[in-house]
Protein backbone atom coordinates (compact mmCIF):
# COMPACT_ATOMS: atom_id res chain seq x y z
CA MET A 1 -28.92 -24.35 -16.41
CA THR A 2 -27.80 -21.12 -18.05
CA SER A 3 -28.31 -17.58 -16.96
CA ASP A 4 -29.10 -14.65 -19.21
CA LYS A 5 -27.32 -12.24 -16.89
CA LYS A 6 -24.01 -10.93 -18.13
CA THR A 7 -21.01 -11.00 -15.84
CA LYS A 8 -20.50 -7.54 -14.39
CA TRP A 9 -16.87 -6.40 -14.58
CA THR A 10 -16.42 -4.15 -11.57
CA ARG A 11 -13.24 -2.43 -10.45
CA LYS A 12 -13.02 -4.80 -7.50
CA ARG A 13 -13.16 -7.84 -9.77
CA ILE A 14 -10.56 -6.37 -12.12
CA VAL A 15 -8.20 -5.62 -9.22
CA ALA A 16 -8.64 -9.15 -7.88
CA ILE A 17 -7.91 -10.69 -11.29
CA ILE A 18 -4.83 -8.49 -11.75
CA ALA A 19 -3.57 -9.55 -8.32
CA LEU A 20 -4.08 -13.23 -9.20
CA VAL A 21 -2.31 -12.84 -12.54
CA LEU A 22 0.61 -11.02 -10.88
CA LEU A 23 1.04 -13.73 -8.27
CA ALA A 24 0.71 -16.57 -10.76
CA GLY A 25 3.19 -14.90 -13.10
CA LEU A 26 5.61 -14.34 -10.26
CA TYR A 27 5.40 -17.98 -9.19
CA ILE A 28 5.96 -19.21 -12.75
CA PHE A 29 8.87 -16.80 -13.24
CA THR A 30 10.43 -17.87 -9.92
CA PHE A 31 10.10 -21.53 -10.89
CA MET A 32 11.73 -20.90 -14.29
CA VAL A 33 14.62 -18.96 -12.73
CA ALA A 34 15.12 -21.73 -10.17
CA LEU A 35 15.37 -24.28 -12.99
CA PHE A 36 17.76 -22.35 -15.24
CA TYR A 37 19.71 -20.12 -12.81
CA PRO A 38 19.84 -21.89 -9.43
CA ALA A 39 22.30 -19.36 -7.96
CA ASP A 40 19.74 -16.52 -8.25
CA ALA A 41 16.79 -18.58 -7.05
CA GLY A 42 17.19 -17.79 -3.34
CA ASN A 43 16.84 -14.03 -3.71
CA LEU A 44 13.92 -14.36 -6.08
CA PHE A 45 12.20 -16.83 -3.76
CA GLY A 46 12.43 -14.26 -0.93
CA ALA A 47 10.90 -11.63 -3.21
CA CYS A 48 8.17 -14.09 -4.14
CA LEU A 49 7.33 -14.68 -0.48
CA MET A 50 7.14 -10.94 0.18
CA ALA A 51 4.91 -10.44 -2.88
CA THR A 52 2.62 -13.24 -1.68
CA ILE A 53 1.81 -11.02 1.28
CA ALA A 54 2.13 -7.59 -0.35
CA VAL A 55 -0.01 -8.07 -3.50
CA PRO A 56 -3.19 -9.28 -1.74
CA LEU A 57 -2.70 -6.64 0.96
CA LEU A 58 -2.44 -3.88 -1.65
CA ALA A 59 -5.51 -5.24 -3.46
CA TRP A 60 -7.45 -5.26 -0.15
CA ILE A 61 -6.35 -1.68 0.59
CA TYR A 62 -7.46 -0.55 -2.88
CA ILE A 63 -10.87 -2.22 -2.52
CA TRP A 64 -11.30 -0.77 0.97
CA LEU A 65 -10.37 2.74 -0.22
CA TYR A 66 -12.76 2.40 -3.16
CA GLY A 67 -15.56 1.55 -0.73
CA GLN A 68 -14.66 4.46 1.55
CA MET A 69 -14.58 6.96 -1.33
CA THR A 70 -17.83 5.79 -2.92
CA GLY A 71 -19.70 5.08 0.31
CA LYS A 72 -20.44 1.51 -0.76
CA GLU A 73 -19.97 -1.56 1.40
CA THR A 74 -17.27 -3.85 0.05
CA ILE A 75 -15.84 -7.20 1.03
CA ALA A 76 -12.90 -5.30 2.54
CA ASP A 77 -15.14 -3.56 5.10
CA LEU A 78 -14.84 -4.93 8.58
CA LYS A 79 -18.47 -3.96 9.19
CA ILE A 80 -19.59 -6.82 6.97
CA LEU A 81 -18.21 -9.27 9.51
CA GLN A 82 -20.45 -7.72 12.18
CA THR A 83 -23.81 -7.79 10.40
CA GLY A 84 -26.83 -9.68 11.64
CA ASP A 85 -28.21 -10.51 15.06
CA MET A 86 -24.82 -11.54 16.43
CA ALA A 87 -23.26 -8.12 15.80
CA GLU A 88 -21.92 -6.50 18.94
CA THR A 89 -19.90 -3.37 19.37
CA ALA A 90 -16.80 -3.22 21.51
CA GLU A 91 -18.78 -1.13 24.03
CA ASP A 92 -21.45 -3.85 24.35
CA ILE A 93 -18.80 -6.47 25.00
CA ALA A 94 -17.08 -4.24 27.58
CA ASP A 95 -20.43 -3.58 29.33
CA GLU A 96 -21.13 -7.32 29.55
CA GLY A 97 -17.68 -7.91 31.01
CA ALA A 98 -18.24 -5.20 33.64
CA GLN A 99 -21.60 -6.73 34.62
CA ASP A 100 -20.06 -10.17 35.08
CA GLU A 101 -17.60 -8.87 37.67
């Protein structure tokens, strides 16, 4: 089953792919350094661990800022997690807690 729709290259998708390529490249580079220069592997491994957290976080921040500036909902919006019938605001939850007491 094939689709005639072309894949849409959005900024969000490009940022996500760049983040994946950066992380994969960093892991491969760290592995190569560990094989050929074991003395330097410890410091590079620490940098790799920090980048594992920092790169996706920076990508999320960029996507969130893009959504805020354009007014579009993105996957980085926390509002998306609260859509549907189960969505409750913090005030609704606090009111229910006060009624239970």
